[in-house]
Amino acid sequence: MHVGVVLIAVVGGGILYCPVPWSPGLLAAAAAFGFLSWKGRADGARIVAANLAAVFVALAAFEGYLGHQDASDDGTRMEGTITEGFTHPDDVLGYAPDAGSRVTARKVYGNEIVYDVVYTIDQDGHRITPPTKDNDSPACLLLFGDSVTFGEGVNDEQTFSFLVGQQLQEEYAVTNLAFSGYGPHQMLSAFESGRVAPDARCRSQQFVYVAIPEHIARVAGLASWDTHGPRYRLNANGSASRDGNFDNPSTLLGAAIPRWLALAFDNYHTWRRLFGRGRDPDDSDLTLFVAVIRQAAVEAHRRLPGSDFAVLFWDARIDDRINVVETELKAAGIPMYRITHAIPDFMSHHERYELSEHDHHPNPLQHQRIAEFIVRRMLGSSEN
């Protein structure tokens, strides 16, 4: 009786949470082996069949559990015109915000408003920054990164890109090329495609890539939302080269895997968790992450001679990989700064610098501190 209840629960979980219902399929295999164990005549065969039935029941249960985890959320919801969408597919970046758009974004947890802000995208597809004052030849600062740099959860004038531009209007023209969910692969693809090109107005160009540890997974194609992002592979010499997009057909032994089969396995939660998009990043992904950053710096200097390229790492957690990245970048001659240099008490008082316990993106105070650090330490402006 208890076994029947468990089987019904697992089947129900499989059907509810699995687009391709792997749990029921695995249970069907378990039932078949159970039947063979019941009807078999040889004791050895019956034992093997019984054990296989148990294995398939366990796999079905684990699949249902993972499906339930994937279907759960953090309890927040989005409201405002952002729910209508303001992005489009892009072969260079995977996806990008719509140029000339303006959306309201309100995040709610229960009755608590986590944030209620406006995102304004200029005609070039970048979040707005202040215009420079009358200056025929400003220095140009271009910022790459993800939602931290884009400024998710804060208004246009509260992002550190806007604040830097506001403080340095006499010296710098600031462009925010970041967007939510991006990684270093979007930055490198933007360089290689010519999206980042010399600007005749600029007497010099400074590039700053703001990294977070999660970018190690993103550059490996492990982000569920970045299905069309630019894919890079490691070369034998340690460099990175473009290899299509993440959603290009996969191959096995030189032959293309049928799309329906790839989709089926992508919807197999157990497979995805162990081998697919749900797996944890490994050492090879870390190596690729560093290689892509190095390659972006090479492209920046090649396409824009005399430019400077630096990394600002959001290191407000204990992660040994950050030290590895710093060592590798230093060896490549790429300066790396840390958020904890800008905000020394971040790790001990992180709640001061986050939007909410329900959203850990930087709040206006953190953006202000980052802007001050970029101006004073990274750019060494004469204004401060």
Protein backbone atom coordinates (compact mmCIF):
# COMPACT_ATOMS: atom_id res chain seq x y z
CA MET A 1 0.00 0.00 0.00
CA HIS A 2 2.80 2.40 0.96
CA VAL A 3 4.76 1.54 -2.19
CA GLY A 4 1.72 2.36 -4.32
CA VAL A 5 1.36 5.75 -2.66
CA VAL A 6 5.04 6.53 -3.29
CA LEU A 7 4.77 5.50 -6.95
CA ILE A 8 1.67 7.66 -7.48
CA ALA A 9 3.45 10.63 -5.88
CA VAL A 10 6.54 10.23 -8.03
CA VAL A 11 4.49 9.80 -11.22
CA GLY A 12 2.50 12.91 -10.34
CA GLY A 13 5.69 14.86 -9.71
CA GLY A 14 7.15 13.69 -12.99
CA ILE A 15 4.12 14.70 -15.01
CA LEU A 16 3.77 18.05 -13.24
CA TYR A 17 7.39 19.21 -13.38
CA CYS A 18 8.92 17.53 -16.42
CA PRO A 19 8.16 18.86 -19.93
CA VAL A 20 9.41 15.48 -21.12
CA PRO A 21 7.97 13.25 -18.36
CA TRP A 22 11.09 11.31 -17.45
CA SER A 23 9.81 10.27 -14.02
CA PRO A 24 6.84 8.31 -15.40
CA GLY A 25 9.10 6.79 -18.06
CA LEU A 26 11.60 5.70 -15.44
CA LEU A 27 8.78 4.31 -13.33
CA ALA A 28 7.49 2.37 -16.31
CA ALA A 29 10.93 0.80 -16.64
CA ALA A 30 10.87 0.04 -12.91
CA ALA A 31 7.47 -1.60 -13.27
CA ALA A 32 8.72 -3.71 -16.17
CA PHE A 33 11.70 -4.96 -14.18
CA GLY A 34 9.46 -5.50 -11.18
CA PHE A 35 7.18 -7.65 -13.29
CA LEU A 36 10.19 -9.65 -14.54
CA SER A 37 11.35 -10.12 -10.96
CA TRP A 38 7.89 -11.35 -9.95
CA LYS A 39 7.41 -13.70 -12.88
CA GLY A 40 11.01 -14.80 -13.38
CA ARG A 41 11.96 -18.37 -12.72
CA ALA A 42 15.68 -18.16 -12.16
CA ASP A 43 16.62 -16.72 -8.78
CA GLY A 44 19.62 -14.83 -10.18
CA ALA A 45 17.56 -13.14 -12.89
CA ARG A 46 14.86 -12.24 -10.39
CA ILE A 47 17.41 -10.59 -8.06
CA VAL A 48 18.95 -8.60 -10.91
CA ALA A 49 15.50 -7.48 -12.12
CA ALA A 50 14.48 -6.48 -8.59
CA ASN A 51 17.63 -4.41 -8.13
CA LEU A 52 17.14 -2.70 -11.49
CA ALA A 53 13.54 -1.92 -10.53
CA ALA A 54 14.81 -0.29 -7.32
CA VAL A 55 17.39 1.73 -9.26
CA PHE A 56 14.77 3.06 -11.69
CA VAL A 57 12.42 3.95 -8.82
CA ALA A 58 15.24 5.90 -7.19
CA LEU A 59 16.04 7.69 -10.46
CA ALA A 60 12.37 8.56 -10.93
CA ALA A 61 12.14 9.93 -7.40
CA PHE A 62 15.32 12.01 -7.86
CA GLU A 63 14.04 13.33 -11.17
CA GLY A 64 10.76 14.36 -9.57
CA TYR A 65 12.65 16.05 -6.73
CA LEU A 66 14.84 18.05 -9.15
CA GLY A 67 11.77 18.95 -11.20
CA HIS A 68 10.09 20.29 -8.08
CA GLN A 69 13.20 22.33 -7.23
CA ASP A 70 13.37 23.81 -10.72
CA ALA A 71 9.69 24.75 -10.59
CA SER A 72 9.99 26.57 -7.25
CA ASP A 73 10.81 30.28 -7.04
CA ASP A 74 11.94 32.82 -4.44
CA GLY A 75 8.47 34.19 -3.81
CA THR A 76 9.03 37.50 -5.60
CA ARG A 77 7.13 38.75 -8.64
CA MET A 78 7.68 41.48 -11.20
CA GLU A 79 5.20 44.18 -12.10
CA GLY A 80 5.26 47.16 -14.46
CA THR A 81 5.85 47.48 -18.19
CA ILE A 82 8.97 45.31 -17.90
CA THR A 83 6.64 42.31 -17.85
CA GLU A 84 5.76 43.10 -21.48
CA GLY A 85 9.41 42.58 -22.42
CA PHE A 86 12.04 44.99 -23.69
CA THR A 87 14.67 42.69 -25.17
CA HIS A 88 15.23 41.04 -28.53
CA PRO A 89 17.39 38.16 -29.85
CA ASP A 90 20.84 39.18 -31.01
CA ASP A 91 23.31 36.90 -32.80
CA VAL A 92 26.29 38.81 -31.41
CA LEU A 93 25.21 39.06 -27.76
CA GLY A 94 22.51 36.43 -27.51
CA TYR A 95 19.92 38.98 -26.46
CA ALA A 96 19.93 42.74 -25.93
CA PRO A 97 17.66 45.54 -24.66
CA ASP A 98 15.52 47.38 -27.18
CA ALA A 99 17.08 50.68 -28.24
CA GLY A 100 15.12 53.77 -27.30
CA SER A 101 12.97 51.97 -24.73
CA ARG A 102 11.83 53.00 -21.27
CA VAL A 103 10.28 50.51 -18.85
CA THR A 104 9.01 50.53 -15.31
CA ALA A 105 10.16 47.67 -13.07
CA ARG A 106 8.61 46.92 -9.71
CA LYS A 107 9.70 43.87 -7.72
CA VAL A 108 7.38 42.69 -4.96
CA TYR A 109 7.66 40.11 -2.20
CA GLY A 110 4.28 39.55 -0.61
CA ASN A 111 3.19 43.08 0.35
CA GLU A 112 6.76 44.38 0.41
CA ILE A 113 8.03 46.47 -2.51
CA VAL A 114 11.65 45.44 -3.05
CA TYR A 115 12.18 48.18 -5.64
CA ASP A 116 10.14 50.39 -7.96
CA VAL A 117 12.34 51.92 -10.65
CA VAL A 118 12.66 52.99 -14.28
CA TYR A 119 15.14 51.70 -16.86
CA THR A 120 15.86 54.01 -19.80
CA ILE A 121 17.74 52.65 -22.83
CA ASP A 122 19.28 55.11 -25.28
CA GLN A 123 19.20 54.93 -29.07
CA ASP A 124 22.39 52.85 -29.09
CA GLY A 125 20.86 50.19 -26.85
CA HIS A 126 22.69 51.21 -23.66
CA ARG A 127 21.36 52.35 -20.31
CA ILE A 128 21.55 56.11 -20.20
CA THR A 129 24.47 58.04 -18.70
CA PRO A 130 24.93 61.83 -18.43
CA PRO A 131 26.03 63.68 -21.56
CA THR A 132 29.50 65.21 -21.43
CA LYS A 133 29.86 68.93 -21.14
CA ASP A 134 31.17 70.90 -24.10
CA ASN A 135 34.36 69.03 -24.82
CA ASP A 136 35.52 68.14 -28.30
CA SER A 137 37.91 65.48 -27.10
CA PRO A 138 36.86 63.73 -23.88
CA ALA A 139 38.31 60.55 -22.51
CA CYS A 140 35.85 57.69 -22.91
CA LEU A 141 35.01 55.10 -20.26
CA LEU A 142 33.17 51.98 -21.40
CA LEU A 143 31.76 49.63 -18.78
CA PHE A 144 31.02 45.93 -19.35
CA GLY A 145 29.22 43.57 -17.02
CA ASP A 146 25.86 42.23 -15.98
CA SER A 147 22.93 43.38 -13.83
CA VAL A 148 25.30 44.86 -11.23
CA THR A 149 26.75 47.26 -13.80
CA PHE A 150 23.48 47.72 -15.68
CA GLY A 151 21.93 48.78 -12.39
CA GLU A 152 19.11 46.31 -11.82
CA GLY A 153 16.85 47.55 -9.04
CA VAL A 154 17.93 51.21 -9.07
CA ASN A 155 16.85 54.21 -11.13
CA ASP A 156 18.85 55.54 -14.07
CA GLU A 157 20.57 58.31 -12.11
CA GLN A 158 21.51 55.93 -9.26
CA THR A 159 23.70 53.52 -11.26
CA PHE A 160 27.44 53.81 -10.68
CA SER A 161 27.90 54.35 -14.43
CA PHE A 162 25.64 57.42 -14.24
CA LEU A 163 27.31 58.66 -11.06
CA VAL A 164 30.80 58.36 -12.59
CA GLY A 165 29.62 60.26 -15.66
CA GLN A 166 28.02 62.89 -13.45
CA GLN A 167 31.20 63.44 -11.44
CA LEU A 168 33.47 63.52 -14.48
CA GLN A 169 31.41 65.37 -17.06
CA GLU A 170 34.37 67.67 -17.73
CA GLU A 171 36.67 64.73 -18.50
CA TYR A 172 34.87 61.50 -19.45
CA ALA A 173 32.09 60.29 -21.69
CA VAL A 174 30.72 57.16 -20.01
CA THR A 175 28.96 54.31 -21.83
CA ASN A 176 27.23 51.46 -19.98
CA LEU A 177 27.41 48.37 -22.21
CA ALA A 178 26.26 45.98 -19.48
CA PHE A 179 22.96 44.14 -19.25
CA SER A 180 21.31 41.71 -16.88
CA GLY A 181 22.57 38.14 -17.23
CA TYR A 182 25.61 38.97 -19.35
CA GLY A 183 29.12 37.58 -18.88
CA PRO A 184 32.56 38.13 -20.41
CA HIS A 185 31.55 36.27 -23.57
CA GLN A 186 29.19 39.11 -24.49
CA MET A 187 32.05 41.57 -23.99
CA LEU A 188 34.47 39.62 -26.20
CA SER A 189 31.83 39.11 -28.88
CA ALA A 190 31.08 42.85 -28.86
CA PHE A 191 34.78 43.58 -29.49
CA GLU A 192 35.19 40.94 -32.19
CA SER A 193 32.03 41.97 -34.05
CA GLY A 194 33.01 45.63 -34.19
CA ARG A 195 30.23 46.72 -31.83
CA VAL A 196 32.98 48.39 -29.81
CA ALA A 197 34.86 50.52 -32.32
CA PRO A 198 37.19 53.55 -32.17
CA ASP A 199 35.39 56.80 -31.43
CA ALA A 200 36.93 59.82 -33.09
CA ARG A 201 35.63 62.02 -30.30
CA CYS A 202 37.71 60.24 -27.66
CA ARG A 203 41.29 61.25 -26.95
CA SER A 204 41.67 57.98 -24.98
CA GLN A 205 39.54 55.00 -24.09
CA GLN A 206 39.31 53.13 -20.78
CA PHE A 207 37.52 49.77 -20.52
CA VAL A 208 36.33 48.33 -17.23
CA TYR A 209 34.80 44.87 -16.99
CA VAL A 210 32.89 44.27 -13.74
CA ALA A 211 32.96 40.54 -12.99
CA ILE A 212 31.16 38.33 -10.49
CA PRO A 213 31.92 34.66 -9.68
CA GLU A 214 28.74 33.54 -11.48
CA HIS A 215 30.30 34.61 -14.78
CA ILE A 216 32.41 31.46 -14.68
CA ALA A 217 29.25 29.43 -15.22
CA ARG A 218 27.79 31.87 -17.73
CA VAL A 219 30.80 31.81 -20.06
CA ALA A 220 30.45 28.01 -20.16
CA GLY A 221 26.81 28.25 -21.29
CA LEU A 222 25.34 27.10 -17.98
CA ALA A 223 22.90 30.01 -17.58
CA SER A 224 19.35 28.90 -18.34
CA TRP A 225 18.34 32.28 -19.81
CA ASP A 226 21.33 32.69 -22.13
CA THR A 227 20.43 29.99 -24.65
CA HIS A 228 21.59 31.96 -27.71
CA GLY A 229 24.65 33.59 -26.18
CA PRO A 230 28.04 33.61 -27.94
CA ARG A 231 29.92 30.35 -27.34
CA TYR A 232 33.69 30.20 -26.94
CA ARG A 233 36.06 27.26 -26.82
CA LEU A 234 39.58 26.91 -25.46
CA ASN A 235 42.34 26.48 -28.01
CA ALA A 236 45.42 24.34 -27.45
CA ASN A 237 47.50 27.46 -26.83
CA GLY A 238 45.17 28.64 -24.05
CA SER A 239 43.38 31.32 -26.05
CA ALA A 240 39.63 31.45 -26.65
CA SER A 241 37.91 31.46 -30.02
CA ARG A 242 34.29 31.86 -31.10
CA ASP A 243 32.39 28.65 -31.72
CA GLY A 244 28.92 29.77 -32.77
CA ASN A 245 26.16 30.20 -30.21
CA PHE A 246 25.05 28.07 -27.30
CA ASP A 247 21.99 26.83 -29.13
CA ASN A 248 23.87 25.64 -32.22
CA PRO A 249 23.38 21.88 -32.79
CA SER A 250 25.50 19.71 -30.53
CA THR A 251 27.58 16.91 -31.99
CA LEU A 252 28.46 13.40 -30.90
CA LEU A 253 31.33 11.55 -32.61
CA GLY A 254 31.26 14.15 -35.37
CA ALA A 255 27.53 13.79 -36.10
CA ALA A 256 24.89 16.39 -35.24
CA ILE A 257 22.54 15.35 -32.42
CA PRO A 258 18.89 15.69 -33.52
CA ARG A 259 17.30 18.76 -31.98
CA TRP A 260 14.40 16.76 -30.51
CA LEU A 261 16.85 14.46 -28.72
CA ALA A 262 18.93 17.37 -27.41
CA LEU A 263 15.74 19.06 -26.17
CA ALA A 264 14.59 15.85 -24.50
CA PHE A 265 17.84 15.53 -22.56
CA ASP A 266 17.82 19.24 -21.75
CA ASN A 267 14.45 18.61 -20.09
CA TYR A 268 15.82 15.61 -18.21
CA HIS A 269 16.55 17.26 -14.86
CA THR A 270 18.99 14.61 -13.67
CA TRP A 271 21.02 14.76 -16.86
CA ARG A 272 20.98 18.56 -16.84
CA ARG A 273 22.11 18.69 -13.20
CA LEU A 274 25.00 16.27 -13.71
CA PHE A 275 26.12 16.99 -17.28
CA GLY A 276 24.08 19.86 -18.78
CA ARG A 277 23.16 23.45 -17.98
CA GLY A 278 22.45 22.66 -14.34
CA ARG A 279 25.91 21.30 -13.52
CA ASP A 280 28.40 23.15 -11.37
CA PRO A 281 31.22 24.94 -13.20
CA ASP A 282 34.56 23.12 -13.09
CA ASP A 283 38.23 24.01 -13.49
CA SER A 284 38.00 24.00 -17.29
CA ASP A 285 35.21 26.59 -17.10
CA LEU A 286 37.40 28.75 -14.86
CA THR A 287 40.22 28.45 -17.40
CA LEU A 288 37.84 29.48 -20.19
CA PHE A 289 36.61 32.43 -18.12
CA VAL A 290 40.14 33.77 -17.72
CA ALA A 291 40.97 33.10 -21.38
CA VAL A 292 37.94 35.08 -22.57
CA ILE A 293 38.89 38.05 -20.39
CA ARG A 294 42.47 37.92 -21.67
CA GLN A 295 41.23 37.74 -25.24
CA ALA A 296 38.93 40.73 -24.68
CA ALA A 297 41.89 42.74 -23.41
CA VAL A 298 43.90 41.71 -26.47
CA GLU A 299 41.04 42.76 -28.77
CA ALA A 300 40.67 46.08 -26.94
CA HIS A 301 44.34 46.92 -27.40
CA ARG A 302 44.43 45.65 -30.98
CA ARG A 303 41.36 47.51 -32.18
CA LEU A 304 41.91 50.59 -30.01
CA PRO A 305 45.67 51.12 -29.61
CA GLY A 306 46.61 52.99 -26.47
CA SER A 307 43.44 52.01 -24.61
CA ASP A 308 43.44 50.69 -21.05
CA PHE A 309 41.62 47.57 -19.88
CA ALA A 310 40.95 46.67 -16.23
CA VAL A 311 38.77 44.28 -14.24
CA LEU A 312 36.73 45.15 -11.16
CA PHE A 313 35.79 41.90 -9.38
CA TRP A 314 32.73 41.70 -7.14
CA ASP A 315 34.46 39.60 -4.48
CA ALA A 316 32.11 40.06 -1.52
CA ARG A 317 32.17 36.37 -0.60
CA ILE A 318 34.75 33.71 0.14
CA ASP A 319 35.64 32.05 -3.17
CA ASP A 320 39.11 30.65 -3.83
CA ARG A 321 38.58 31.02 -7.57
CA ILE A 322 38.87 34.79 -7.26
CA ASN A 323 42.51 34.48 -6.16
CA VAL A 324 43.18 32.22 -9.15
CA VAL A 325 41.65 34.77 -11.51
CA GLU A 326 43.66 37.60 -9.96
CA THR A 327 46.93 35.67 -10.33
CA GLU A 328 46.19 34.79 -13.96
CA LEU A 329 45.18 38.33 -14.91
CA LYS A 330 48.19 39.82 -13.18
CA ALA A 331 50.42 37.47 -15.18
CA ALA A 332 48.70 38.74 -18.34
CA GLY A 333 49.29 42.37 -17.35
CA ILE A 334 45.59 43.08 -16.68
CA PRO A 335 44.91 45.17 -13.55
CA MET A 336 42.28 43.67 -11.26
CA TYR A 337 40.57 45.58 -8.47
CA ARG A 338 38.13 44.26 -5.87
CA ILE A 339 34.79 45.53 -4.64
CA THR A 340 36.01 44.95 -1.07
CA HIS A 341 38.72 47.54 -1.77
CA ALA A 342 35.93 50.00 -2.51
CA ILE A 343 33.74 48.86 0.40
CA PRO A 344 35.96 47.40 3.14
CA ASP A 345 33.05 46.52 5.44
CA PHE A 346 30.97 44.81 2.76
CA MET A 347 31.40 41.26 4.01
CA SER A 348 30.72 42.18 7.63
CA HIS A 349 27.78 44.50 6.87
CA HIS A 350 26.56 43.39 3.45
CA GLU A 351 22.93 44.22 4.31
CA ARG A 352 23.82 47.93 4.23
CA TYR A 353 24.68 47.69 0.57
CA GLU A 354 21.95 45.40 -0.82
CA LEU A 355 18.46 46.17 -2.03
CA SER A 356 16.74 43.69 0.28
CA GLU A 357 17.03 40.28 1.85
CA HIS A 358 14.91 39.21 -1.14
CA ASP A 359 17.24 40.76 -3.72
CA HIS A 360 20.99 41.09 -3.17
CA HIS A 361 21.68 43.46 -6.05
CA PRO A 362 23.56 46.66 -5.11
CA ASN A 363 21.45 49.40 -3.56
CA PRO A 364 22.08 53.10 -4.26
CA LEU A 365 24.68 53.31 -1.47
CA GLN A 366 26.74 50.49 -2.99
CA HIS A 367 26.52 52.12 -6.42
CA GLN A 368 27.75 55.36 -4.87
CA ARG A 369 30.73 53.65 -3.24
CA ILE A 370 31.65 51.84 -6.45
CA ALA A 371 31.44 55.11 -8.41
CA GLU A 372 33.74 56.84 -5.91
CA PHE A 373 36.25 53.98 -6.17
CA ILE A 374 36.28 54.05 -9.98
CA VAL A 375 36.78 57.81 -10.02
CA ARG A 376 39.44 58.04 -7.34
CA ARG A 377 41.32 54.74 -7.58
CA MET A 378 40.82 53.32 -11.04
CA LEU A 379 40.75 56.50 -13.07
CA GLY A 380 42.76 58.71 -10.71
CA SER A 381 40.75 61.74 -11.77
CA SER A 382 42.14 65.16 -11.02
CA GLU A 383 38.63 66.13 -9.93
CA ASN A 384 38.95 64.05 -6.74
